[in-house]
Amino acid sequence: MPGVRLIGEPGQRLSVVSFLVDGAHPNDVGTLLDQQGVAVRSGH
């Protein structure tokens, strides 16, 4: 997906996918997703 950067590419992964959107704070992305009915977590 253009403008999306995955954070972490561990050798073995379980359940979690972390990412960033270029030019956007994670909390802003989380808020926009929530407005569309998708509940994710944003922050540290």
PDB file of all heavy atoms in Angstrom:
ATOM      1  N   MET A   1       0.831  -1.190   0.000  1.00  0.00           N
ATOM      2  CA  MET A   1       0.000   0.000   0.000  1.00  0.00           C
ATOM      3  C   MET A   1       0.877   1.255   0.000  1.00  0.00           C
ATOM      4  O   MET A   1       1.712   1.425   0.890  1.00  0.00           O
ATOM      5  CB  MET A   1      -0.932  -0.007   1.223  1.00  0.00           C
ATOM      6  CG  MET A   1      -1.982   1.092   1.208  1.00  0.00           C
ATOM      7  SD  MET A   1      -3.196   0.909   2.576  1.00  0.00           S
ATOM      8  CE  MET A   1      -4.147  -0.502   1.979  1.00  0.00           C
ATOM      9  N   PRO A   2       0.716   2.138  -0.972  1.00  0.00           N
ATOM     10  CA  PRO A   2       1.546   3.350  -1.039  1.00  0.00           C
ATOM     11  C   PRO A   2       1.403   4.201   0.220  1.00  0.00           C
ATOM     12  O   PRO A   2       0.308   4.386   0.750  1.00  0.00           O
ATOM     13  CB  PRO A   2       0.987   4.089  -2.261  1.00  0.00           C
ATOM     14  CG  PRO A   2       0.327   3.037  -3.084  1.00  0.00           C
ATOM     15  CD  PRO A   2      -0.224   2.053  -2.103  1.00  0.00           C
ATOM     16  N   GLY A   3       2.540   4.701   0.700  1.00  0.00           N
ATOM     17  CA  GLY A   3       2.524   5.587   1.853  1.00  0.00           C
ATOM     18  C   GLY A   3       2.405   4.893   3.190  1.00  0.00           C
ATOM     19  O   GLY A   3       2.353   5.564   4.220  1.00  0.00           O
ATOM     20  N   VAL A   4       2.366   3.560   3.187  1.00  0.00           N
ATOM     21  CA  VAL A   4       2.265   2.798   4.440  1.00  0.00           C
ATOM     22  C   VAL A   4       3.592   2.083   4.689  1.00  0.00           C
ATOM     23  O   VAL A   4       4.147   1.460   3.785  1.00  0.00           O
ATOM     24  CB  VAL A   4       1.111   1.777   4.389  1.00  0.00           C
ATOM     25  CG1 VAL A   4       1.112   0.893   5.634  1.00  0.00           C
ATOM     26  CG2 VAL A   4      -0.228   2.498   4.259  1.00  0.00           C
ATOM     27  N   ARG A   5       4.093   2.196   5.905  1.00  0.00           N
ATOM     28  CA  ARG A   5       5.377   1.578   6.258  1.00  0.00           C
ATOM     29  C   ARG A   5       5.175   0.600   7.419  1.00  0.00           C
ATOM     30  O   ARG A   5       4.699   0.975   8.495  1.00  0.00           O
ATOM     31  CB  ARG A   5       6.378   2.661   6.651  1.00  0.00           C
ATOM     32  CG  ARG A   5       7.719   2.126   7.136  1.00  0.00           C
ATOM     33  CD  ARG A   5       8.797   3.218   7.126  1.00  0.00           C
ATOM     34  NE  ARG A   5       8.483   4.331   7.970  1.00  0.00           N
ATOM     35  CZ  ARG A   5       9.094   4.593   9.140  1.00  0.00           C
ATOM     36  NH1 ARG A   5      10.048   3.785   9.580  1.00  0.00           N
ATOM     37  NH2 ARG A   5       8.769   5.647   9.848  1.00  0.00           N
ATOM     38  N   LEU A   6       5.501  -0.659   7.172  1.00  0.00           N
ATOM     39  CA  LEU A   6       5.446  -1.655   8.236  1.00  0.00           C
ATOM     40  C   LEU A   6       6.552  -1.392   9.243  1.00  0.00           C
ATOM     41  O   LEU A   6       7.676  -1.043   8.874  1.00  0.00           O
ATOM     42  CB  LEU A   6       5.605  -3.060   7.663  1.00  0.00           C
ATOM     43  CG  LEU A   6       4.400  -3.643   6.930  1.00  0.00           C
ATOM     44  CD1 LEU A   6       4.789  -4.921   6.222  1.00  0.00           C
ATOM     45  CD2 LEU A   6       3.264  -3.912   7.900  1.00  0.00           C
ATOM     46  N   ILE A   7       6.235  -1.584  10.515  1.00  0.00           N
ATOM     47  CA  ILE A   7       7.221  -1.432  11.576  1.00  0.00           C
ATOM     48  C   ILE A   7       7.449  -2.806  12.197  1.00  0.00           C
ATOM     49  O   ILE A   7       6.549  -3.386  12.804  1.00  0.00           O
ATOM     50  CB  ILE A   7       6.743  -0.438  12.653  1.00  0.00           C
ATOM     51  CG1 ILE A   7       6.427   0.921  12.032  1.00  0.00           C
ATOM     52  CG2 ILE A   7       7.796  -0.307  13.752  1.00  0.00           C
ATOM     53  CD1 ILE A   7       7.600   1.602  11.350  1.00  0.00           C
ATOM     54  N   GLY A   8       8.654  -3.308  12.000  1.00  0.00           N
ATOM     55  CA  GLY A   8       8.985  -4.631  12.522  1.00  0.00           C
ATOM     56  C   GLY A   8       8.717  -5.729  11.509  1.00  0.00           C
ATOM     57  O   GLY A   8       7.609  -5.835  10.982  1.00  0.00           O
ATOM     58  N   GLU A   9       9.747  -6.505  11.249  1.00  0.00           N
ATOM     59  CA  GLU A   9       9.623  -7.683  10.387  1.00  0.00           C
ATOM     60  C   GLU A   9      10.291  -8.857  11.103  1.00  0.00           C
ATOM     61  O   GLU A   9      11.269  -9.419  10.623  1.00  0.00           O
ATOM     62  CB  GLU A   9      10.301  -7.427   9.039  1.00  0.00           C
ATOM     63  CG  GLU A   9       9.641  -6.366   8.181  1.00  0.00           C
ATOM     64  CD  GLU A   9       8.518  -6.927   7.324  1.00  0.00           C
ATOM     65  OE1 GLU A   9       8.135  -8.099   7.543  1.00  0.00           O
ATOM     66  OE2 GLU A   9       8.045  -6.198   6.446  1.00  0.00           O
ATOM     67  N   PRO A  10       9.759  -9.247  12.286  1.00  0.00           N
ATOM     68  CA  PRO A  10      10.416 -10.301  13.065  1.00  0.00           C
ATOM     69  C   PRO A  10      10.390 -11.637  12.341  1.00  0.00           C
ATOM     70  O   PRO A  10       9.519 -11.908  11.505  1.00  0.00           O
ATOM     71  CB  PRO A  10       9.589 -10.349  14.348  1.00  0.00           C
ATOM     72  CG  PRO A  10       8.253  -9.807  13.964  1.00  0.00           C
ATOM     73  CD  PRO A  10       8.521  -8.771  12.926  1.00  0.00           C
ATOM     74  N   GLY A  11      11.340 -12.486  12.696  1.00  0.00           N
ATOM     75  CA  GLY A  11      11.424 -13.803  12.073  1.00  0.00           C
ATOM     76  C   GLY A  11      10.198 -14.650  12.333  1.00  0.00           C
ATOM     77  O   GLY A  11       9.741 -15.394  11.466  1.00  0.00           O
ATOM     78  N   GLN A  12       9.657 -14.550  13.549  1.00  0.00           N
ATOM     79  CA  GLN A  12       8.408 -15.225  13.897  1.00  0.00           C
ATOM     80  C   GLN A  12       7.466 -14.192  14.497  1.00  0.00           C
ATOM     81  O   GLN A  12       7.823 -13.501  15.446  1.00  0.00           O
ATOM     82  CB  GLN A  12       8.649 -16.364  14.890  1.00  0.00           C
ATOM     83  CG  GLN A  12       9.338 -17.575  14.290  1.00  0.00           C
ATOM     84  CD  GLN A  12       9.349 -18.725  15.264  1.00  0.00           C
ATOM     85  OE1 GLN A  12      10.007 -18.696  16.306  1.00  0.00           O
ATOM     86  NE2 GLN A  12       8.607 -19.774  14.957  1.00  0.00           N
ATOM     87  N   ARG A  13       6.267 -14.109  13.936  1.00  0.00           N
ATOM     88  CA  ARG A  13       5.313 -13.088  14.345  1.00  0.00           C
ATOM     89  C   ARG A  13       4.006 -13.748  14.772  1.00  0.00           C
ATOM     90  O   ARG A  13       3.573 -14.748  14.198  1.00  0.00           O
ATOM     91  CB  ARG A  13       5.034 -12.143  13.167  1.00  0.00           C
ATOM     92  CG  ARG A  13       4.094 -10.983  13.485  1.00  0.00           C
ATOM     93  CD  ARG A  13       3.512 -10.389  12.212  1.00  0.00           C
ATOM     94  NE  ARG A  13       4.495  -9.867  11.298  1.00  0.00           N
ATOM     95  CZ  ARG A  13       4.899  -8.589  11.266  1.00  0.00           C
ATOM     96  NH1 ARG A  13       4.395  -7.724  12.121  1.00  0.00           N
ATOM     97  NH2 ARG A  13       5.786  -8.190  10.382  1.00  0.00           N
ATOM     98  N   LEU A  14       3.362 -13.134  15.774  1.00  0.00           N
ATOM     99  CA  LEU A  14       2.081 -13.636  16.259  1.00  0.00           C
ATOM    100  C   LEU A  14       1.088 -12.497  16.414  1.00  0.00           C
ATOM    101  O   LEU A  14       1.344 -11.540  17.143  1.00  0.00           O
ATOM    102  CB  LEU A  14       2.267 -14.331  17.613  1.00  0.00           C
ATOM    103  CG  LEU A  14       1.010 -14.935  18.248  1.00  0.00           C
ATOM    104  CD1 LEU A  14       0.591 -16.181  17.480  1.00  0.00           C
ATOM    105  CD2 LEU A  14       1.257 -15.290  19.711  1.00  0.00           C
ATOM    106  N   SER A  15       0.007 -12.539  15.697  1.00  0.00           N
ATOM    107  CA  SER A  15      -1.224 -11.761  15.890  1.00  0.00           C
ATOM    108  C   SER A  15      -1.137 -10.264  15.607  1.00  0.00           C
ATOM    109  O   SER A  15      -2.145  -9.647  15.270  1.00  0.00           O
ATOM    110  CB  SER A  15      -1.794 -11.966  17.306  1.00  0.00           C
ATOM    111  OG  SER A  15      -1.109 -11.227  18.270  1.00  0.00           O
ATOM    112  N   VAL A  16       0.034  -9.651  15.726  1.00  0.00           N
ATOM    113  CA  VAL A  16       0.146  -8.195  15.682  1.00  0.00           C
ATOM    114  C   VAL A  16       0.818  -7.709  14.404  1.00  0.00           C
ATOM    115  O   VAL A  16       1.827  -8.262  13.976  1.00  0.00           O
ATOM    116  CB  VAL A  16       0.946  -7.679  16.904  1.00  0.00           C
ATOM    117  CG1 VAL A  16       1.359  -6.226  16.729  1.00  0.00           C
ATOM    118  CG2 VAL A  16       0.115  -7.834  18.176  1.00  0.00           C
ATOM    119  N   VAL A  17       0.242  -6.649  13.815  1.00  0.00           N
ATOM    120  CA  VAL A  17       0.861  -5.951  12.684  1.00  0.00           C
ATOM    121  C   VAL A  17       0.897  -4.468  13.039  1.00  0.00           C
ATOM    122  O   VAL A  17      -0.150  -3.860  13.302  1.00  0.00           O
ATOM    123  CB  VAL A  17       0.076  -6.148  11.377  1.00  0.00           C
ATOM    124  CG1 VAL A  17       0.781  -5.434  10.220  1.00  0.00           C
ATOM    125  CG2 VAL A  17      -0.096  -7.625  11.058  1.00  0.00           C
ATOM    126  N   SER A  18       2.097  -3.877  13.056  1.00  0.00           N
ATOM    127  CA  SER A  18       2.259  -2.465  13.367  1.00  0.00           C
ATOM    128  C   SER A  18       2.723  -1.715  12.126  1.00  0.00           C
ATOM    129  O   SER A  18       3.555  -2.219  11.365  1.00  0.00           O
ATOM    130  CB  SER A  18       3.282  -2.272  14.493  1.00  0.00           C
ATOM    131  OG  SER A  18       2.708  -2.523  15.759  1.00  0.00           O
ATOM    132  N   PHE A  19       2.206  -0.503  11.943  1.00  0.00           N
ATOM    133  CA  PHE A  19       2.557   0.255  10.740  1.00  0.00           C
ATOM    134  C   PHE A  19       2.406   1.745  10.992  1.00  0.00           C
ATOM    135  O   PHE A  19       1.838   2.178  12.001  1.00  0.00           O
ATOM    136  CB  PHE A  19       1.679  -0.179   9.555  1.00  0.00           C
ATOM    137  CG  PHE A  19       0.202   0.018   9.763  1.00  0.00           C
ATOM    138  CD1 PHE A  19      -0.434   1.192   9.388  1.00  0.00           C
ATOM    139  CD2 PHE A  19      -0.570  -0.984  10.341  1.00  0.00           C
ATOM    140  CE1 PHE A  19      -1.801   1.370   9.570  1.00  0.00           C
ATOM    141  CE2 PHE A  19      -1.937  -0.824  10.542  1.00  0.00           C
ATOM    142  CZ  PHE A  19      -2.553   0.360  10.153  1.00  0.00           C
ATOM    143  N   LEU A  20       2.915   2.528  10.056  1.00  0.00           N
ATOM    144  CA  LEU A  20       2.777   3.979  10.050  1.00  0.00           C
ATOM    145  C   LEU A  20       2.303   4.421   8.678  1.00  0.00           C
ATOM    146  O   LEU A  20       2.542   3.727   7.679  1.00  0.00           O
ATOM    147  CB  LEU A  20       4.110   4.662  10.373  1.00  0.00           C
ATOM    148  CG  LEU A  20       4.636   4.534  11.800  1.00  0.00           C
ATOM    149  CD1 LEU A  20       6.045   5.098  11.897  1.00  0.00           C
ATOM    150  CD2 LEU A  20       3.702   5.233  12.781  1.00  0.00           C
ATOM    151  N   VAL A  21       1.654   5.565   8.626  1.00  0.00           N
ATOM    152  CA  VAL A  21       1.269   6.186   7.368  1.00  0.00           C
ATOM    153  C   VAL A  21       2.113   7.447   7.214  1.00  0.00           C
ATOM    154  O   VAL A  21       2.182   8.274   8.141  1.00  0.00           O
ATOM    155  CB  VAL A  21      -0.235   6.532   7.347  1.00  0.00           C
ATOM    156  CG1 VAL A  21      -0.593   7.271   6.053  1.00  0.00           C
ATOM    157  CG2 VAL A  21      -1.068   5.258   7.478  1.00  0.00           C
ATOM    158  N   ASP A  22       2.763   7.587   6.083  1.00  0.00           N
ATOM    159  CA  ASP A  22       3.663   8.716   5.852  1.00  0.00           C
ATOM    160  C   ASP A  22       2.971  10.050   6.129  1.00  0.00           C
ATOM    161  O   ASP A  22       1.848  10.295   5.663  1.00  0.00           O
ATOM    162  CB  ASP A  22       4.179   8.716   4.413  1.00  0.00           C
ATOM    163  CG  ASP A  22       5.139   7.567   4.126  1.00  0.00           C
ATOM    164  OD1 ASP A  22       5.595   6.932   5.100  1.00  0.00           O
ATOM    165  OD2 ASP A  22       5.424   7.310   2.937  1.00  0.00           O
ATOM    166  N   GLY A  23       3.634  10.877   6.923  1.00  0.00           N
ATOM    167  CA  GLY A  23       3.140  12.223   7.176  1.00  0.00           C
ATOM    168  C   GLY A  23       2.019  12.324   8.180  1.00  0.00           C
ATOM    169  O   GLY A  23       1.479  13.414   8.384  1.00  0.00           O
ATOM    170  N   ALA A  24       1.661  11.213   8.810  1.00  0.00           N
ATOM    171  CA  ALA A  24       0.521  11.227   9.745  1.00  0.00           C
ATOM    172  C   ALA A  24       0.944  10.685  11.101  1.00  0.00           C
ATOM    173  O   ALA A  24       1.726   9.734  11.200  1.00  0.00           O
ATOM    174  CB  ALA A  24      -0.628  10.390   9.198  1.00  0.00           C
ATOM    175  N   HIS A  25       0.408  11.281  12.158  1.00  0.00           N
ATOM    176  CA  HIS A  25       0.644  10.754  13.495  1.00  0.00           C
ATOM    177  C   HIS A  25      -0.210   9.501  13.679  1.00  0.00           C
ATOM    178  O   HIS A  25      -1.352   9.442  13.197  1.00  0.00           O
ATOM    179  CB  HIS A  25       0.268  11.800  14.551  1.00  0.00           C
ATOM    180  CG  HIS A  25       0.771  11.451  15.922  1.00  0.00           C
ATOM    181  ND1 HIS A  25       0.120  10.546  16.736  1.00  0.00           N
ATOM    182  CD2 HIS A  25       1.868  11.871  16.615  1.00  0.00           C
ATOM    183  CE1 HIS A  25       0.790  10.428  17.873  1.00  0.00           C
ATOM    184  NE2 HIS A  25       1.850  11.223  17.834  1.00  0.00           N
ATOM    185  N   PRO A  26       0.311   8.489  14.372  1.00  0.00           N
ATOM    186  CA  PRO A  26      -0.469   7.259  14.574  1.00  0.00           C
ATOM    187  C   PRO A  26      -1.852   7.504  15.165  1.00  0.00           C
ATOM    188  O   PRO A  26      -2.823   6.839  14.781  1.00  0.00           O
ATOM    189  CB  PRO A  26       0.408   6.442  15.530  1.00  0.00           C
ATOM    190  CG  PRO A  26       1.793   6.931  15.296  1.00  0.00           C
ATOM    191  CD  PRO A  26       1.664   8.378  14.939  1.00  0.00           C
ATOM    192  N   ASN A  27      -1.965   8.456  16.085  1.00  0.00           N
ATOM    193  CA  ASN A  27      -3.269   8.708  16.709  1.00  0.00           C
ATOM    194  C   ASN A  27      -4.282   9.252  15.710  1.00  0.00           C
ATOM    195  O   ASN A  27      -5.487   8.956  15.801  1.00  0.00           O
ATOM    196  CB  ASN A  27      -3.118   9.675  17.877  1.00  0.00           C
ATOM    197  CG  ASN A  27      -2.375   9.069  19.045  1.00  0.00           C
ATOM    198  OD1 ASN A  27      -2.249   7.850  19.144  1.00  0.00           O
ATOM    199  ND2 ASN A  27      -1.857   9.911  19.925  1.00  0.00           N
ATOM    200  N   ASP A  28      -3.827  10.045  14.748  1.00  0.00           N
ATOM    201  CA  ASP A  28      -4.737  10.550  13.718  1.00  0.00           C
ATOM    202  C   ASP A  28      -5.249   9.413  12.843  1.00  0.00           C
ATOM    203  O   ASP A  28      -6.435   9.360  12.486  1.00  0.00           O
ATOM    204  CB  ASP A  28      -4.030  11.602  12.855  1.00  0.00           C
ATOM    205  CG  ASP A  28      -3.682  12.859  13.638  1.00  0.00           C
ATOM    206  OD1 ASP A  28      -4.374  13.143  14.632  1.00  0.00           O
ATOM    207  OD2 ASP A  28      -2.717  13.547  13.261  1.00  0.00           O
ATOM    208  N   VAL A  29      -4.352   8.496  12.507  1.00  0.00           N
ATOM    209  CA  VAL A  29      -4.760   7.341  11.701  1.00  0.00           C
ATOM    210  C   VAL A  29      -5.761   6.493  12.473  1.00  0.00           C
ATOM    211  O   VAL A  29      -6.797   6.070  11.941  1.00  0.00           O
ATOM    212  CB  VAL A  29      -3.531   6.494  11.303  1.00  0.00           C
ATOM    213  CG1 VAL A  29      -3.971   5.258  10.511  1.00  0.00           C
ATOM    214  CG2 VAL A  29      -2.542   7.323  10.493  1.00  0.00           C
ATOM    215  N   GLY A  30      -5.466   6.259  13.760  1.00  0.00           N
ATOM    216  CA  GLY A  30      -6.379   5.466  14.575  1.00  0.00           C
ATOM    217  C   GLY A  30      -7.759   6.083  14.679  1.00  0.00           C
ATOM    218  O   GLY A  30      -8.775   5.381  14.627  1.00  0.00           O
ATOM    219  N   THR A  31      -7.814   7.414  14.783  1.00  0.00           N
ATOM    220  CA  THR A  31      -9.101   8.112  14.865  1.00  0.00           C
ATOM    221  C   THR A  31      -9.884   7.967  13.567  1.00  0.00           C
ATOM    222  O   THR A  31     -11.107   7.715  13.583  1.00  0.00           O
ATOM    223  CB  THR A  31      -8.874   9.600  15.180  1.00  0.00           C
ATOM    224  OG1 THR A  31      -8.227   9.711  16.453  1.00  0.00           O
ATOM    225  CG2 THR A  31     -10.193  10.355  15.212  1.00  0.00           C
ATOM    226  N   LEU A  32      -9.213   8.101  12.439  1.00  0.00           N
ATOM    227  CA  LEU A  32      -9.889   7.973  11.145  1.00  0.00           C
ATOM    228  C   LEU A  32     -10.403   6.557  10.921  1.00  0.00           C
ATOM    229  O   LEU A  32     -11.486   6.360  10.354  1.00  0.00           O
ATOM    230  CB  LEU A  32      -8.946   8.387  10.017  1.00  0.00           C
ATOM    231  CG  LEU A  32      -8.643   9.891   9.931  1.00  0.00           C
ATOM    232  CD1 LEU A  32      -7.526  10.158   8.930  1.00  0.00           C
ATOM    233  CD2 LEU A  32      -9.898  10.673   9.539  1.00  0.00           C
ATOM    234  N   LEU A  33      -9.662   5.579  11.367  1.00  0.00           N
ATOM    235  CA  LEU A  33     -10.129   4.195  11.247  1.00  0.00           C
ATOM    236  C   LEU A  33     -11.331   3.952  12.154  1.00  0.00           C
ATOM    237  O   LEU A  33     -12.298   3.288  11.754  1.00  0.00           O
ATOM    238  CB  LEU A  33      -8.995   3.221  11.585  1.00  0.00           C
ATOM    239  CG  LEU A  33      -7.796   3.200  10.636  1.00  0.00           C
ATOM    240  CD1 LEU A  33      -6.752   2.200  11.114  1.00  0.00           C
ATOM    241  CD2 LEU A  33      -8.223   2.863   9.212  1.00  0.00           C
ATOM    242  N   ASP A  34     -11.296   4.504  13.340  1.00  0.00           N
ATOM    243  CA  ASP A  34     -12.410   4.345  14.266  1.00  0.00           C
ATOM    244  C   ASP A  34     -13.690   4.961  13.702  1.00  0.00           C
ATOM    245  O   ASP A  34     -14.782   4.409  13.885  1.00  0.00           O
ATOM    246  CB  ASP A  34     -12.070   5.005  15.601  1.00  0.00           C
ATOM    247  CG  ASP A  34     -13.229   4.923  16.587  1.00  0.00           C
ATOM    248  OD1 ASP A  34     -13.608   3.799  16.964  1.00  0.00           O
ATOM    249  OD2 ASP A  34     -13.754   5.990  16.954  1.00  0.00           O
ATOM    250  N   GLN A  35     -13.564   6.084  13.011  1.00  0.00           N
ATOM    251  CA  GLN A  35     -14.738   6.724  12.412  1.00  0.00           C
ATOM    252  C   GLN A  35     -15.384   5.845  11.344  1.00  0.00           C
ATOM    253  O   GLN A  35     -16.550   6.058  10.995  1.00  0.00           O
ATOM    254  CB  GLN A  35     -14.335   8.076  11.823  1.00  0.00           C
ATOM    255  CG  GLN A  35     -13.980   9.113  12.881  1.00  0.00           C
ATOM    256  CD  GLN A  35     -13.399  10.380  12.304  1.00  0.00           C
ATOM    257  OE1 GLN A  35     -13.139  10.478  11.092  1.00  0.00           O
ATOM    258  NE2 GLN A  35     -13.172  11.382  13.155  1.00  0.00           N
ATOM    259  N   GLN A  36     -14.633   4.872  10.861  1.00  0.00           N
ATOM    260  CA  GLN A  36     -15.174   3.932   9.877  1.00  0.00           C
ATOM    261  C   GLN A  36     -15.485   2.572  10.499  1.00  0.00           C
ATOM    262  O   GLN A  36     -15.698   1.580   9.790  1.00  0.00           O
ATOM    263  CB  GLN A  36     -14.180   3.765   8.725  1.00  0.00           C
ATOM    264  CG  GLN A  36     -13.874   5.079   8.001  1.00  0.00           C
ATOM    265  CD  GLN A  36     -12.782   4.899   6.969  1.00  0.00           C
ATOM    266  OE1 GLN A  36     -13.022   4.306   5.905  1.00  0.00           O
ATOM    267  NE2 GLN A  36     -11.599   5.390   7.261  1.00  0.00           N
ATOM    268  N   GLY A  37     -15.518   2.514  11.843  1.00  0.00           N
ATOM    269  CA  GLY A  37     -15.924   1.292  12.525  1.00  0.00           C
ATOM    270  C   GLY A  37     -14.848   0.254  12.696  1.00  0.00           C
ATOM    271  O   GLY A  37     -15.146  -0.910  12.989  1.00  0.00           O
ATOM    272  N   VAL A  38     -13.578   0.659  12.524  1.00  0.00           N
ATOM    273  CA  VAL A  38     -12.459  -0.277  12.683  1.00  0.00           C
ATOM    274  C   VAL A  38     -11.674   0.117  13.930  1.00  0.00           C
ATOM    275  O   VAL A  38     -11.095   1.205  13.992  1.00  0.00           O
ATOM    276  CB  VAL A  38     -11.540  -0.268  11.455  1.00  0.00           C
ATOM    277  CG1 VAL A  38     -10.351  -1.209  11.672  1.00  0.00           C
ATOM    278  CG2 VAL A  38     -12.318  -0.681  10.204  1.00  0.00           C
ATOM    279  N   ALA A  39     -11.651  -0.750  14.925  1.00  0.00           N
ATOM    280  CA  ALA A  39     -10.998  -0.469  16.201  1.00  0.00           C
ATOM    281  C   ALA A  39      -9.578  -1.013  16.189  1.00  0.00           C
ATOM    282  O   ALA A  39      -9.367  -2.229  16.145  1.00  0.00           O
ATOM    283  CB  ALA A  39     -11.786  -1.082  17.351  1.00  0.00           C
ATOM    284  N   VAL A  40      -8.588  -0.109  16.194  1.00  0.00           N
ATOM    285  CA  VAL A  40      -7.185  -0.480  16.326  1.00  0.00           C
ATOM    286  C   VAL A  40      -6.606   0.302  17.499  1.00  0.00           C
ATOM    287  O   VAL A  40      -7.270   1.140  18.100  1.00  0.00           O
ATOM    288  CB  VAL A  40      -6.390  -0.185  15.040  1.00  0.00           C
ATOM    289  CG1 VAL A  40      -6.913  -1.020  13.871  1.00  0.00           C
ATOM    290  CG2 VAL A  40      -6.427   1.309  14.705  1.00  0.00           C
ATOM    291  N   ARG A  41      -5.360   0.064  17.821  1.00  0.00           N
ATOM    292  CA  ARG A  41      -4.673   0.792  18.891  1.00  0.00           C
ATOM    293  C   ARG A  41      -3.584   1.646  18.253  1.00  0.00           C
ATOM    294  O   ARG A  41      -2.914   1.217  17.316  1.00  0.00           O
ATOM    295  CB  ARG A  41      -4.059  -0.205  19.868  1.00  0.00           C
ATOM    296  CG  ARG A  41      -3.319   0.371  21.062  1.00  0.00           C
ATOM    297  CD  ARG A  41      -4.191   0.975  22.124  1.00  0.00           C
ATOM    298  NE  ARG A  41      -5.398   0.253  22.463  1.00  0.00           N
ATOM    299  CZ  ARG A  41      -6.119   0.492  23.543  1.00  0.00           C
ATOM    300  NH1 ARG A  41      -5.742   1.436  24.408  1.00  0.00           N
ATOM    301  NH2 ARG A  41      -7.235  -0.172  23.766  1.00  0.00           N
ATOM    302  N   SER A  42      -3.403   2.863  18.766  1.00  0.00           N
ATOM    303  CA  SER A  42      -2.338   3.728  18.271  1.00  0.00           C
ATOM    304  C   SER A  42      -1.579   4.317  19.447  1.00  0.00           C
ATOM    305  O   SER A  42      -2.150   4.529  20.522  1.00  0.00           O
ATOM    306  CB  SER A  42      -2.912   4.851  17.403  1.00  0.00           C
ATOM    307  OG  SER A  42      -3.842   5.641  18.125  1.00  0.00           O
ATOM    308  N   GLY A  43      -0.289   4.575  19.250  1.00  0.00           N
ATOM    309  CA  GLY A  43       0.540   5.124  20.310  1.00  0.00           C
ATOM    310  C   GLY A  43       1.795   4.314  20.508  1.00  0.00           C
ATOM    311  O   GLY A  43       2.222   3.570  19.615  1.00  0.00           O
ATOM    312  N   HIS A  44       2.380   4.420  21.706  1.00  0.00           N
ATOM    313  CA  HIS A  44       3.640   3.708  21.960  1.00  0.00           C
ATOM    314  C   HIS A  44       3.423   2.324  22.557  1.00  0.00           C
ATOM    315  O   HIS A  44       4.386   1.578  22.744  1.00  0.00           O
ATOM    316  CB  HIS A  44       4.552   4.532  22.868  1.00  0.00           C
ATOM    317  CG  HIS A  44       3.920   4.972  24.156  1.00  0.00           C
ATOM    318  ND1 HIS A  44       3.545   4.097  25.143  1.00  0.00           N
ATOM    319  CD2 HIS A  44       3.603   6.210  24.628  1.00  0.00           C
ATOM    320  CE1 HIS A  44       3.041   4.758  26.173  1.00  0.00           C
ATOM    321  NE2 HIS A  44       3.047   6.049  25.883  1.00  0.00           N
TER     322      HIS A  44
END
